[in-house]
Amino acid sequence: MSDENTRESGADDDQRERRSAEHLPPEGVDEATVAAVGKLTEALEMVDQARGLLYSFHRLTGAADLALGEASDALRDAGHVELADRLDSELVGRNVIEGRWTFQIVEDYDDTYWEPFRAAERDVREQLVAGRRHLTEAAMKEDRRTHGARHHEARPSGGA
C-alpha cells in the first residue's frame, strides 16, 4: 500500500528532484542580488495585476455604455423620447475622463508605464541573473517542499 505523499525509493536519482538550471542563480550571483531582482519582479507582477484591473475597468465601462444605449432605445420605444434623447446626448459615448475613452487610458498606461516597466525588469534580470525568472520563488519551493514525496517534485517529468 502506497500513500501518494510518502517518499519514493530512489527519489534522489529522480530528475524531478533536481531544480532546473533556469531556476538556479548563475555562478557567482549572491543572495542579495537574487533578492533584489525578485523584489523588482514582484513589483512588475503588481503592475501586471493593476493592468488587468485597468482592462476590467475598460471592459465594464464599455459594457455599461452599450447597456446605456439599450436603455435609451428601450425608453424611446416606450414613448419616452425626450428622456432617451437626453441620455443619448449627455451620456452615450461620453468620454470617461477629459478627451478619452477607456481604450485610450489603457493605451496610455501601456505605452507610458507598463511597457517601460517590463523592459526595465527584463534588462535588470538579463544583466544580473542571466535573464532567469522566479529565482526567489524557486528557492522558496526548494525550501518548502517535501523532498522525495509525490506532488512535491522540484519540476515536472520531462525536465521543465
C-alpha atoms as a PDB file:
ATOM      1  CA  MET A   1       0.000   0.000   0.000  1.00  0.00           C
ATOM      2  CA  SER A   2       1.436   3.346  -1.035  1.00  0.00           C
ATOM      3  CA  ASP A   3       0.424   6.756   0.232  1.00  0.00           C
ATOM      4  CA  GLU A   4       0.893   9.338  -2.527  1.00  0.00           C
ATOM      5  CA  ASN A   5       2.642  11.657  -0.064  1.00  0.00           C
ATOM      6  CA  THR A   6       5.233   9.137   1.092  1.00  0.00           C
ATOM      7  CA  ARG A   7       8.816   9.295  -0.063  1.00  0.00           C
ATOM      8  CA  GLU A   8       9.614   7.273  -3.146  1.00  0.00           C
ATOM      9  CA  SER A   9      12.544   4.896  -3.220  1.00  0.00           C
ATOM     10  CA  GLY A  10      15.386   6.192  -5.354  1.00  0.00           C
ATOM     11  CA  ALA A  11      13.962   9.730  -5.264  1.00  0.00           C
ATOM     12  CA  ASP A  12      17.440  11.212  -5.046  1.00  0.00           C
ATOM     13  CA  ASP A  13      18.170   9.807  -8.528  1.00  0.00           C
ATOM     14  CA  ASP A  14      14.926  11.150  -9.993  1.00  0.00           C
ATOM     15  CA  GLN A  15      15.449  14.100 -12.380  1.00  0.00           C
ATOM     16  CA  ARG A  16      12.256  15.655 -10.997  1.00  0.00           C
ATOM     17  CA  GLU A  17      14.049  16.065  -7.670  1.00  0.00           C
ATOM     18  CA  ARG A  18      16.695  18.363  -9.145  1.00  0.00           C
ATOM     19  CA  ARG A  19      15.996  22.008  -9.792  1.00  0.00           C
ATOM     20  CA  SER A  20      16.343  23.022 -13.410  1.00  0.00           C
ATOM     21  CA  ALA A  21      19.274  25.279 -14.302  1.00  0.00           C
ATOM     22  CA  GLU A  22      16.891  28.023 -15.423  1.00  0.00           C
ATOM     23  CA  HIS A  23      15.711  28.341 -11.814  1.00  0.00           C
ATOM     24  CA  LEU A  24      19.157  28.388 -10.211  1.00  0.00           C
ATOM     25  CA  PRO A  25      21.135  31.624  -9.791  1.00  0.00           C
ATOM     26  CA  PRO A  26      24.076  31.826 -12.193  1.00  0.00           C
ATOM     27  CA  GLU A  27      27.516  31.088 -10.781  1.00  0.00           C
ATOM     28  CA  GLY A  28      28.772  33.938  -8.601  1.00  0.00           C
ATOM     29  CA  VAL A  29      25.428  35.710  -8.089  1.00  0.00           C
ATOM     30  CA  ASP A  30      24.875  36.440  -4.408  1.00  0.00           C
ATOM     31  CA  GLU A  31      21.633  36.084  -2.446  1.00  0.00           C
ATOM     32  CA  ALA A  32      21.242  39.860  -2.041  1.00  0.00           C
ATOM     33  CA  THR A  33      21.214  40.291  -5.833  1.00  0.00           C
ATOM     34  CA  VAL A  34      18.713  37.455  -6.275  1.00  0.00           C
ATOM     35  CA  ALA A  35      16.506  39.044  -3.590  1.00  0.00           C
ATOM     36  CA  ALA A  36      16.719  42.496  -5.198  1.00  0.00           C
ATOM     37  CA  VAL A  37      15.821  41.144  -8.634  1.00  0.00           C
ATOM     38  CA  GLY A  38      12.997  39.173  -7.022  1.00  0.00           C
ATOM     39  CA  LYS A  39      11.643  42.356  -5.445  1.00  0.00           C
ATOM     40  CA  LEU A  40      11.707  44.101  -8.836  1.00  0.00           C
ATOM     41  CA  THR A  41       9.843  41.188 -10.411  1.00  0.00           C
ATOM     42  CA  GLU A  42       7.326  41.305  -7.558  1.00  0.00           C
ATOM     43  CA  ALA A  43       6.730  44.981  -8.349  1.00  0.00           C
ATOM     44  CA  LEU A  44       6.216  44.115 -12.038  1.00  0.00           C
ATOM     45  CA  GLU A  45       3.707  41.446 -11.064  1.00  0.00           C
ATOM     46  CA  MET A  46       1.759  44.115  -9.150  1.00  0.00           C
ATOM     47  CA  VAL A  47       1.848  46.365 -12.215  1.00  0.00           C
ATOM     48  CA  ASP A  48       0.577  43.446 -14.306  1.00  0.00           C
ATOM     49  CA  GLN A  49      -2.244  42.939 -11.839  1.00  0.00           C
ATOM     50  CA  ALA A  50      -3.077  46.657 -11.903  1.00  0.00           C
ATOM     51  CA  ARG A  51      -3.091  46.500 -15.700  1.00  0.00           C
ATOM     52  CA  GLY A  52      -5.564  43.621 -15.512  1.00  0.00           C
ATOM     53  CA  LEU A  53      -7.817  45.715 -13.312  1.00  0.00           C
ATOM     54  CA  LEU A  54      -7.500  48.583 -15.770  1.00  0.00           C
ATOM     55  CA  TYR A  55      -8.607  46.249 -18.559  1.00  0.00           C
ATOM     56  CA  SER A  56     -11.542  45.159 -16.374  1.00  0.00           C
ATOM     57  CA  PHE A  57     -12.437  48.837 -15.937  1.00  0.00           C
ATOM     58  CA  HIS A  58     -12.194  49.257 -19.714  1.00  0.00           C
ATOM     59  CA  ARG A  59     -14.423  46.258 -20.434  1.00  0.00           C
ATOM     60  CA  LEU A  60     -17.008  47.089 -17.762  1.00  0.00           C
ATOM     61  CA  THR A  61     -17.225  50.720 -18.814  1.00  0.00           C
ATOM     62  CA  GLY A  62     -17.674  49.689 -22.451  1.00  0.00           C
ATOM     63  CA  ALA A  63     -20.367  47.185 -21.497  1.00  0.00           C
ATOM     64  CA  ALA A  64     -22.091  49.855 -19.404  1.00  0.00           C
ATOM     65  CA  ASP A  65     -22.100  52.252 -22.362  1.00  0.00           C
ATOM     66  CA  LEU A  66     -23.664  49.581 -24.590  1.00  0.00           C
ATOM     67  CA  ALA A  67     -26.287  48.789 -21.923  1.00  0.00           C
ATOM     68  CA  LEU A  68     -26.950  52.523 -21.567  1.00  0.00           C
ATOM     69  CA  GLY A  69     -27.616  52.704 -25.310  1.00  0.00           C
ATOM     70  CA  GLU A  70     -30.030  49.780 -24.999  1.00  0.00           C
ATOM     71  CA  ALA A  71     -31.787  51.501 -22.079  1.00  0.00           C
ATOM     72  CA  SER A  72     -32.088  54.666 -24.138  1.00  0.00           C
ATOM     73  CA  ASP A  73     -33.554  52.710 -27.058  1.00  0.00           C
ATOM     74  CA  ALA A  74     -35.995  50.977 -24.697  1.00  0.00           C
ATOM     75  CA  LEU A  75     -37.092  54.326 -23.246  1.00  0.00           C
ATOM     76  CA  ARG A  76     -37.613  55.660 -26.773  1.00  0.00           C
ATOM     77  CA  ASP A  77     -39.614  52.544 -27.736  1.00  0.00           C
ATOM     78  CA  ALA A  78     -41.733  53.013 -24.603  1.00  0.00           C
ATOM     79  CA  GLY A  79     -42.605  56.547 -25.702  1.00  0.00           C
ATOM     80  CA  HIS A  80     -40.132  58.496 -23.525  1.00  0.00           C
ATOM     81  CA  VAL A  81     -38.376  60.193 -26.423  1.00  0.00           C
ATOM     82  CA  GLU A  82     -37.179  63.287 -24.543  1.00  0.00           C
ATOM     83  CA  LEU A  83     -35.525  61.203 -21.801  1.00  0.00           C
ATOM     84  CA  ALA A  84     -33.959  58.902 -24.405  1.00  0.00           C
ATOM     85  CA  ASP A  85     -32.639  61.898 -26.349  1.00  0.00           C
ATOM     86  CA  ARG A  86     -31.182  63.317 -23.148  1.00  0.00           C
ATOM     87  CA  LEU A  87     -29.371  60.060 -22.337  1.00  0.00           C
ATOM     88  CA  ASP A  88     -28.088  59.812 -25.912  1.00  0.00           C
ATOM     89  CA  SER A  89     -26.786  63.371 -25.980  1.00  0.00           C
ATOM     90  CA  GLU A  90     -25.393  63.533 -22.426  1.00  0.00           C
ATOM     91  CA  LEU A  91     -24.121  60.030 -21.662  1.00  0.00           C
ATOM     92  CA  VAL A  92     -23.993  57.548 -24.557  1.00  0.00           C
ATOM     93  CA  GLY A  93     -20.453  57.599 -25.953  1.00  0.00           C
ATOM     94  CA  ARG A  94     -19.267  60.143 -23.391  1.00  0.00           C
ATOM     95  CA  ASN A  95     -15.575  60.410 -22.515  1.00  0.00           C
ATOM     96  CA  VAL A  96     -14.765  58.887 -19.128  1.00  0.00           C
ATOM     97  CA  ILE A  97     -12.033  61.445 -18.485  1.00  0.00           C
ATOM     98  CA  GLU A  98     -11.285  64.599 -20.426  1.00  0.00           C
ATOM     99  CA  GLY A  99     -10.841  63.666 -24.085  1.00  0.00           C
ATOM    100  CA  ARG A 100     -10.543  59.930 -23.505  1.00  0.00           C
ATOM    101  CA  TRP A 101     -12.474  56.734 -23.682  1.00  0.00           C
ATOM    102  CA  THR A 102     -11.151  53.821 -21.681  1.00  0.00           C
ATOM    103  CA  PHE A 103      -9.236  52.292 -24.599  1.00  0.00           C
ATOM    104  CA  GLN A 104      -7.150  55.484 -24.729  1.00  0.00           C
ATOM    105  CA  ILE A 105      -6.441  55.244 -20.995  1.00  0.00           C
ATOM    106  CA  VAL A 106      -5.326  51.627 -21.446  1.00  0.00           C
ATOM    107  CA  GLU A 107      -3.109  52.550 -24.391  1.00  0.00           C
ATOM    108  CA  ASP A 108      -1.524  55.433 -22.474  1.00  0.00           C
ATOM    109  CA  TYR A 109      -0.897  53.204 -19.448  1.00  0.00           C
ATOM    110  CA  ASP A 110       0.663  50.517 -21.617  1.00  0.00           C
ATOM    111  CA  ASP A 111       2.885  52.924 -23.549  1.00  0.00           C
ATOM    112  CA  THR A 112       3.842  55.251 -20.704  1.00  0.00           C
ATOM    113  CA  TYR A 113       4.247  52.841 -17.796  1.00  0.00           C
ATOM    114  CA  TRP A 114       3.693  49.120 -18.392  1.00  0.00           C
ATOM    115  CA  GLU A 115       5.996  48.586 -21.395  1.00  0.00           C
ATOM    116  CA  PRO A 116       8.924  50.608 -19.923  1.00  0.00           C
ATOM    117  CA  PHE A 117       8.489  48.803 -16.575  1.00  0.00           C
ATOM    118  CA  ARG A 118       8.570  45.397 -18.294  1.00  0.00           C
ATOM    119  CA  ALA A 119      11.606  46.379 -20.335  1.00  0.00           C
ATOM    120  CA  ALA A 120      13.469  47.624 -17.243  1.00  0.00           C
ATOM    121  CA  GLU A 121      12.692  44.465 -15.260  1.00  0.00           C
ATOM    122  CA  ARG A 122      13.802  42.266 -18.158  1.00  0.00           C
ATOM    123  CA  ASP A 123      17.010  44.321 -18.603  1.00  0.00           C
ATOM    124  CA  VAL A 124      17.885  44.029 -14.899  1.00  0.00           C
ATOM    125  CA  ARG A 125      17.263  40.262 -14.966  1.00  0.00           C
ATOM    126  CA  GLU A 126      19.392  39.868 -18.086  1.00  0.00           C
ATOM    127  CA  GLN A 127      22.263  41.902 -16.635  1.00  0.00           C
ATOM    128  CA  LEU A 128      22.268  40.395 -13.144  1.00  0.00           C
ATOM    129  CA  VAL A 129      20.890  36.840 -13.327  1.00  0.00           C
ATOM    130  CA  ALA A 130      21.296  35.821 -16.988  1.00  0.00           C
ATOM    131  CA  GLY A 131      17.613  36.583 -17.638  1.00  0.00           C
ATOM    132  CA  ARG A 132      16.449  33.834 -15.295  1.00  0.00           C
ATOM    133  CA  ARG A 133      12.991  34.237 -13.842  1.00  0.00           C
ATOM    134  CA  HIS A 134      11.442  33.491 -10.463  1.00  0.00           C
ATOM    135  CA  LEU A 135      14.690  32.583  -8.708  1.00  0.00           C
ATOM    136  CA  THR A 136      13.313  33.669  -5.338  1.00  0.00           C
ATOM    137  CA  GLU A 137      10.197  31.544  -5.755  1.00  0.00           C
ATOM    138  CA  ALA A 138      12.244  28.567  -6.969  1.00  0.00           C
ATOM    139  CA  ALA A 139      14.424  28.793  -3.857  1.00  0.00           C
ATOM    140  CA  MET A 140      11.300  29.072  -1.691  1.00  0.00           C
ATOM    141  CA  LYS A 141       9.817  25.995  -3.355  1.00  0.00           C
ATOM    142  CA  GLU A 142      13.052  24.081  -2.764  1.00  0.00           C
ATOM    143  CA  ASP A 143      12.984  25.063   0.899  1.00  0.00           C
ATOM    144  CA  ARG A 144       9.299  24.317   1.494  1.00  0.00           C
ATOM    145  CA  ARG A 145       8.690  21.134  -0.486  1.00  0.00           C
ATOM    146  CA  THR A 146       8.980  17.651   0.996  1.00  0.00           C
ATOM    147  CA  HIS A 147      11.899  16.157  -0.906  1.00  0.00           C
ATOM    148  CA  GLY A 148      11.123  12.757  -2.386  1.00  0.00           C
ATOM    149  CA  ALA A 149       7.371  12.992  -1.799  1.00  0.00           C
ATOM    150  CA  ARG A 150       4.807  12.668  -4.594  1.00  0.00           C
ATOM    151  CA  HIS A 151       3.459  16.062  -5.681  1.00  0.00           C
ATOM    152  CA  HIS A 152       6.461  17.790  -4.115  1.00  0.00           C
ATOM    153  CA  GLU A 153       8.877  17.269  -7.028  1.00  0.00           C
ATOM    154  CA  ALA A 154      11.205  20.121  -7.961  1.00  0.00           C
ATOM    155  CA  ARG A 155       9.923  20.019 -11.525  1.00  0.00           C
ATOM    156  CA  PRO A 156       7.584  18.016 -13.734  1.00  0.00           C
ATOM    157  CA  SER A 157       8.744  14.946 -15.581  1.00  0.00           C
ATOM    158  CA  GLY A 158      10.337  15.931 -18.838  1.00  0.00           C
ATOM    159  CA  GLY A 159      12.754  18.337 -17.185  1.00  0.00           C
ATOM    160  CA  ALA A 160      10.972  21.696 -17.384  1.00  0.00           C
END
